[in-house]
Amino acid sequence: MTIIGTRNERTEILLNNYLDNEFKKMLLPLNIMHNFIFFPKFKIMNNFITPNNTYQNMIAVFGFAIYLIPFTIKYFMSVRTSSDYIYNFFDLMFYAYGIGTNCLISALQTNSNVNLVLSLSKTHHQQIFKINLRRITTWNWIYIVSCITLYFSNALYITIEARNLDNLVACVCIYILICIDINMVYAIRILQVIRMQLENWILEFESPEVAKSIDINENIWNKRFQMYVDIQETFTIYKKVHQIQVISFMSVSSLIFENRL
């Protein structure tokens, strides 16, 4: 066990919480955006990954409260009749559910998020055929930049075309909804890494050299089997963390699509 931290904070970190530079760089674009939208999932310092502390969880709760303000304003501005009241109330609740889910994942599932990353890192270092982390890192940056560009271009266009206060409030809500898409990008990219690790595990068994080694050395067979168990455990953690998020994303996406019809 090692101790790192500043003068005001000392954090105990297990040595197996260490991430190498390549894995850290792969997470960098995703981690930056999570902090930018006030929903950090974990903390990486000096290549050690740790769960969120109380301060970071408060940031997530603060972000959730701030994000709800424009949607609440939009709700009261949209209520003009009794039928509007019912429809817009459920509208507000669905958006609150979607944004709140991301807040809960950041605050309550922070340990699971750390375990998920550590499990991915462990499998990566055990595999003979390793995934190309540099390529994944490049695509992570591309996805994040593309998501930001599309969202802000759309919001900027609406801002320019806005003729009244209702449109301006709607524009702010569009800016805020990026937090849901950023979290879905993270979920998709992590699932992609799990899939690639499983494919490489299969390739290792199809490799004649590895198959020959397994026939000779029973210990290698046990390690290959344990690696498969580790990949299964990684996916179990992934499902635990992101299952509710995917459901909330589909709910909010359906609501947005309905509003555009």
Protein backbone atom coordinates (compact mmCIF):
# COMPACT_ATOMS: atom_id res chain seq x y z
CA MET A 1 0.00 0.00 0.00
CA THR A 2 1.26 3.44 -0.85
CA ILE A 3 0.29 6.93 0.29
CA ILE A 4 -0.11 9.80 -2.14
CA GLY A 5 -1.83 13.15 -1.90
CA THR A 6 -1.47 16.81 -1.16
CA ARG A 7 -0.87 18.54 2.14
CA ASN A 8 -4.62 18.78 2.70
CA GLU A 9 -5.43 15.26 1.55
CA ARG A 10 -3.75 11.90 2.08
CA THR A 11 -5.23 8.99 0.18
CA GLU A 12 -4.39 5.35 0.74
CA ILE A 13 -4.24 3.46 -2.52
CA LEU A 14 -3.66 -0.23 -3.09
CA LEU A 15 -0.72 -0.93 -5.36
CA ASN A 16 -2.96 -2.80 -7.80
CA ASN A 17 -4.82 0.47 -8.49
CA TYR A 18 -1.93 1.46 -10.75
CA LEU A 19 -2.59 2.23 -14.44
CA ASP A 20 0.18 2.37 -17.01
CA ASN A 21 0.55 5.43 -19.25
CA GLU A 22 -1.11 3.86 -22.30
CA PHE A 23 -4.23 2.90 -20.37
CA LYS A 24 -4.30 6.29 -18.69
CA LYS A 25 -4.11 8.05 -22.08
CA MET A 26 -6.96 5.90 -23.38
CA LEU A 27 -9.19 7.13 -20.55
CA LEU A 28 -8.01 10.75 -20.74
CA PRO A 29 -10.51 12.16 -23.30
CA LEU A 30 -13.41 10.40 -21.61
CA ASN A 31 -12.29 11.44 -18.13
CA ILE A 32 -11.83 15.09 -19.18
CA MET A 33 -15.38 15.26 -20.50
CA HIS A 34 -16.82 13.66 -17.37
CA ASN A 35 -15.19 16.34 -15.26
CA PHE A 36 -16.30 19.03 -17.72
CA ILE A 37 -19.96 18.03 -17.40
CA PHE A 38 -19.66 17.77 -13.56
CA PHE A 39 -20.09 13.98 -13.50
CA PRO A 40 -16.63 12.51 -12.71
CA LYS A 41 -16.64 8.72 -12.40
CA PHE A 42 -13.27 8.37 -10.69
CA LYS A 43 -10.03 10.18 -10.04
CA ILE A 44 -6.66 9.44 -11.66
CA MET A 45 -3.57 10.95 -10.05
CA ASN A 46 0.04 9.86 -10.56
CA ASN A 47 -1.25 6.87 -12.58
CA PHE A 48 -3.33 5.63 -9.61
CA ILE A 49 -7.09 5.40 -10.00
CA THR A 50 -9.31 5.96 -6.97
CA PRO A 51 -13.07 6.33 -6.34
CA ASN A 52 -14.62 9.76 -6.04
CA ASN A 53 -14.25 11.47 -2.70
CA THR A 54 -17.01 13.42 -0.94
CA TYR A 55 -15.99 16.63 -2.72
CA GLN A 56 -16.32 15.06 -6.17
CA ASN A 57 -19.68 13.52 -5.27
CA MET A 58 -20.87 16.96 -4.17
CA ILE A 59 -19.81 18.29 -7.57
CA ALA A 60 -22.00 15.65 -9.24
CA VAL A 61 -25.00 16.57 -7.06
CA PHE A 62 -24.34 20.28 -7.71
CA GLY A 63 -24.21 19.62 -11.46
CA PHE A 64 -27.51 17.74 -11.31
CA ALA A 65 -29.18 20.65 -9.46
CA ILE A 66 -27.82 23.24 -11.91
CA TYR A 67 -28.87 21.17 -14.93
CA LEU A 68 -32.44 20.92 -13.66
CA ILE A 69 -32.92 24.71 -13.48
CA PRO A 70 -33.34 25.36 -17.26
CA PHE A 71 -35.68 22.36 -17.62
CA THR A 72 -37.77 23.60 -14.69
CA ILE A 73 -37.94 27.08 -16.26
CA LYS A 74 -38.91 25.48 -19.58
CA TYR A 75 -41.65 23.54 -17.79
CA PHE A 76 -43.27 26.62 -16.21
CA MET A 77 -42.96 28.61 -19.44
CA SER A 78 -44.62 25.80 -21.41
CA VAL A 79 -47.62 25.29 -19.10
CA ARG A 80 -50.55 27.17 -20.56
CA THR A 81 -53.44 24.68 -20.31
CA SER A 82 -54.29 21.70 -18.11
CA SER A 83 -53.28 19.29 -20.89
CA ASP A 84 -49.95 21.10 -21.25
CA TYR A 85 -49.45 20.76 -17.51
CA ILE A 86 -49.69 16.96 -17.56
CA TYR A 87 -47.59 16.49 -20.68
CA ASN A 88 -44.84 18.90 -19.64
CA PHE A 89 -44.73 17.47 -16.12
CA PHE A 90 -43.84 14.03 -17.50
CA ASP A 91 -41.46 15.77 -19.90
CA LEU A 92 -39.63 17.31 -16.94
CA MET A 93 -39.62 14.03 -15.00
CA PHE A 94 -38.09 12.09 -17.89
CA TYR A 95 -35.29 14.63 -18.33
CA ALA A 96 -34.68 14.66 -14.57
CA TYR A 97 -34.53 10.86 -14.63
CA GLY A 98 -32.00 10.83 -17.47
CA ILE A 99 -29.71 13.44 -15.94
CA GLY A 100 -30.18 12.08 -12.41
CA THR A 101 -29.14 8.60 -13.55
CA ASN A 102 -25.80 9.97 -14.72
CA CYS A 103 -25.39 11.72 -11.39
CA LEU A 104 -26.10 8.51 -9.46
CA ILE A 105 -23.67 6.51 -11.59
CA SER A 106 -20.96 9.04 -10.79
CA ALA A 107 -21.68 9.26 -7.05
CA LEU A 108 -22.98 5.83 -6.03
CA GLN A 109 -21.25 3.60 -8.59
CA THR A 110 -17.80 5.16 -8.31
CA ASN A 111 -16.28 2.00 -6.75
CA SER A 112 -17.74 -0.14 -9.52
CA ASN A 113 -16.39 2.27 -12.14
CA VAL A 114 -12.90 1.92 -10.63
CA ASN A 115 -13.20 -1.88 -10.51
CA LEU A 116 -14.32 -1.90 -14.14
CA VAL A 117 -11.24 0.02 -15.29
CA LEU A 118 -8.90 -2.09 -13.15
CA SER A 119 -10.45 -5.29 -14.50
CA LEU A 120 -9.92 -4.09 -18.08
CA SER A 121 -6.33 -3.19 -17.29
CA LYS A 122 -5.66 -6.56 -15.65
CA THR A 123 -6.95 -8.50 -18.65
CA HIS A 124 -4.99 -6.31 -21.04
CA HIS A 125 -1.68 -7.09 -19.33
CA GLN A 126 -2.42 -10.82 -19.14
CA GLN A 127 -3.22 -11.25 -22.83
CA ILE A 128 -0.64 -12.38 -25.35
CA PHE A 129 -2.44 -10.64 -28.22
CA LYS A 130 -3.01 -7.18 -26.81
CA ILE A 131 -5.50 -4.65 -28.13
CA ASN A 132 -4.12 -1.50 -29.77
CA LEU A 133 -4.62 1.09 -27.03
CA ARG A 134 -3.20 3.92 -29.17
CA ARG A 135 -5.83 3.32 -31.83
CA ILE A 136 -8.58 3.21 -29.21
CA THR A 137 -7.25 6.46 -27.69
CA THR A 138 -7.35 8.16 -31.10
CA TRP A 139 -10.93 7.08 -31.71
CA ASN A 140 -11.94 8.17 -28.20
CA TRP A 141 -10.76 11.69 -29.05
CA ILE A 142 -12.58 11.56 -32.39
CA TYR A 143 -15.87 10.49 -30.80
CA ILE A 144 -15.66 13.09 -28.04
CA VAL A 145 -14.74 15.96 -30.40
CA SER A 146 -17.44 14.91 -32.89
CA CYS A 147 -20.09 14.77 -30.16
CA ILE A 148 -19.15 18.22 -28.86
CA THR A 149 -18.98 19.73 -32.35
CA LEU A 150 -22.39 18.42 -33.40
CA TYR A 151 -24.08 19.47 -30.17
CA PHE A 152 -22.63 22.96 -30.03
CA SER A 153 -23.17 23.56 -33.76
CA ASN A 154 -26.84 22.65 -33.38
CA ALA A 155 -27.20 24.74 -30.23
CA LEU A 156 -25.40 27.70 -31.83
CA TYR A 157 -27.73 27.57 -34.82
CA ILE A 158 -30.79 27.56 -32.54
CA THR A 159 -29.29 30.46 -30.54
CA ILE A 160 -28.83 32.55 -33.69
CA GLU A 161 -32.33 31.72 -34.93
CA ALA A 162 -33.95 32.22 -31.52
CA ARG A 163 -36.68 34.84 -31.63
CA ASN A 164 -37.95 34.67 -28.07
CA LEU A 165 -37.08 33.56 -24.56
CA ASP A 166 -38.67 30.12 -25.05
CA ASN A 167 -36.18 29.28 -27.79
CA LEU A 168 -33.24 30.51 -25.72
CA VAL A 169 -34.24 28.31 -22.79
CA ALA A 170 -34.66 25.36 -25.17
CA CYS A 171 -31.17 26.08 -26.47
CA VAL A 172 -29.69 25.91 -22.98
CA CYS A 173 -31.45 22.57 -22.46
CA ILE A 174 -29.81 21.26 -25.64
CA TYR A 175 -26.40 22.22 -24.29
CA ILE A 176 -27.14 20.35 -21.07
CA LEU A 177 -28.27 17.15 -22.79
CA ILE A 178 -24.70 16.62 -23.96
CA CYS A 179 -23.98 15.12 -20.52
CA ILE A 180 -26.22 12.15 -21.37
CA ASP A 181 -24.59 11.54 -24.75
CA ILE A 182 -21.06 11.88 -23.31
CA ASN A 183 -21.84 9.14 -20.80
CA MET A 184 -23.24 6.94 -23.55
CA VAL A 185 -20.07 7.47 -25.61
CA TYR A 186 -18.09 6.31 -22.57
CA ALA A 187 -20.30 3.23 -22.15
CA ILE A 188 -19.99 2.32 -25.84
CA ARG A 189 -16.20 2.75 -25.89
CA ILE A 190 -15.71 0.64 -22.76
CA LEU A 191 -17.94 -2.09 -24.22
CA GLN A 192 -15.83 -1.96 -27.37
CA VAL A 193 -12.69 -2.65 -25.31
CA ILE A 194 -14.38 -5.63 -23.61
CA ARG A 195 -15.42 -7.02 -27.00
CA MET A 196 -11.90 -6.66 -28.41
CA GLN A 197 -10.39 -8.39 -25.38
CA LEU A 198 -12.77 -11.32 -25.83
CA GLU A 199 -11.93 -11.53 -29.55
CA ASN A 200 -8.20 -11.56 -28.73
CA TRP A 201 -8.80 -14.29 -26.15
CA ILE A 202 -10.39 -16.41 -28.91
CA LEU A 203 -7.49 -15.65 -31.27
CA GLU A 204 -5.02 -16.85 -28.66
CA PHE A 205 -6.67 -20.28 -28.63
CA GLU A 206 -6.69 -20.38 -32.42
CA SER A 207 -2.98 -19.60 -32.53
CA PRO A 208 -0.96 -22.83 -33.13
CA GLU A 209 1.87 -21.67 -30.86
CA VAL A 210 -0.45 -20.95 -27.94
CA ALA A 211 -2.44 -24.17 -28.48
CA LYS A 212 0.77 -26.19 -28.46
CA SER A 213 1.90 -24.52 -25.23
CA ILE A 214 -1.46 -25.28 -23.61
CA ASP A 215 -1.16 -28.96 -24.53
CA ILE A 216 2.28 -29.12 -22.94
CA ASN A 217 1.75 -26.93 -19.88
CA GLU A 218 -1.47 -27.35 -17.90
CA ASN A 219 -0.70 -24.15 -15.98
CA ILE A 220 -1.07 -22.12 -19.18
CA TRP A 221 -4.52 -23.67 -19.71
CA ASN A 222 -5.55 -22.62 -16.23
CA LYS A 223 -4.36 -19.06 -16.91
CA ARG A 224 -6.33 -18.93 -20.17
CA PHE A 225 -9.46 -20.14 -18.41
CA GLN A 226 -8.98 -17.63 -15.59
CA MET A 227 -8.64 -14.86 -18.17
CA TYR A 228 -12.02 -15.83 -19.62
CA VAL A 229 -13.51 -15.71 -16.12
CA ASP A 230 -11.97 -12.24 -15.66
CA ILE A 231 -13.53 -11.03 -18.92
CA GLN A 232 -16.92 -12.33 -17.77
CA GLU A 233 -16.52 -10.53 -14.45
CA THR A 234 -15.59 -7.36 -16.31
CA PHE A 235 -18.80 -7.54 -18.34
CA THR A 236 -20.80 -8.23 -15.16
CA ILE A 237 -19.43 -5.03 -13.61
CA TYR A 238 -20.11 -3.17 -16.85
CA LYS A 239 -23.74 -4.34 -16.89
CA LYS A 240 -24.17 -3.34 -13.24
CA VAL A 241 -22.88 0.19 -13.91
CA HIS A 242 -24.41 1.00 -17.30
CA GLN A 243 -27.65 -0.99 -17.53
CA ILE A 244 -29.79 1.72 -15.92
CA GLN A 245 -27.96 4.40 -17.90
CA VAL A 246 -28.84 2.75 -21.23
CA ILE A 247 -32.50 2.52 -20.19
CA SER A 248 -32.55 6.20 -19.22
CA PHE A 249 -30.83 7.15 -22.47
CA MET A 250 -33.47 5.33 -24.51
CA SER A 251 -36.25 7.01 -22.50
CA VAL A 252 -34.84 10.51 -23.03
CA SER A 253 -34.05 9.82 -26.69
CA SER A 254 -37.64 8.68 -27.28
CA LEU A 255 -38.91 11.83 -25.60
CA ILE A 256 -36.69 14.08 -27.74
CA PHE A 257 -37.79 12.28 -30.90
CA GLU A 258 -41.43 12.63 -29.93
CA ASN A 259 -41.01 16.36 -29.31
CA ARG A 260 -39.55 16.80 -32.80
CA LEU A 261 -42.51 15.13 -34.52
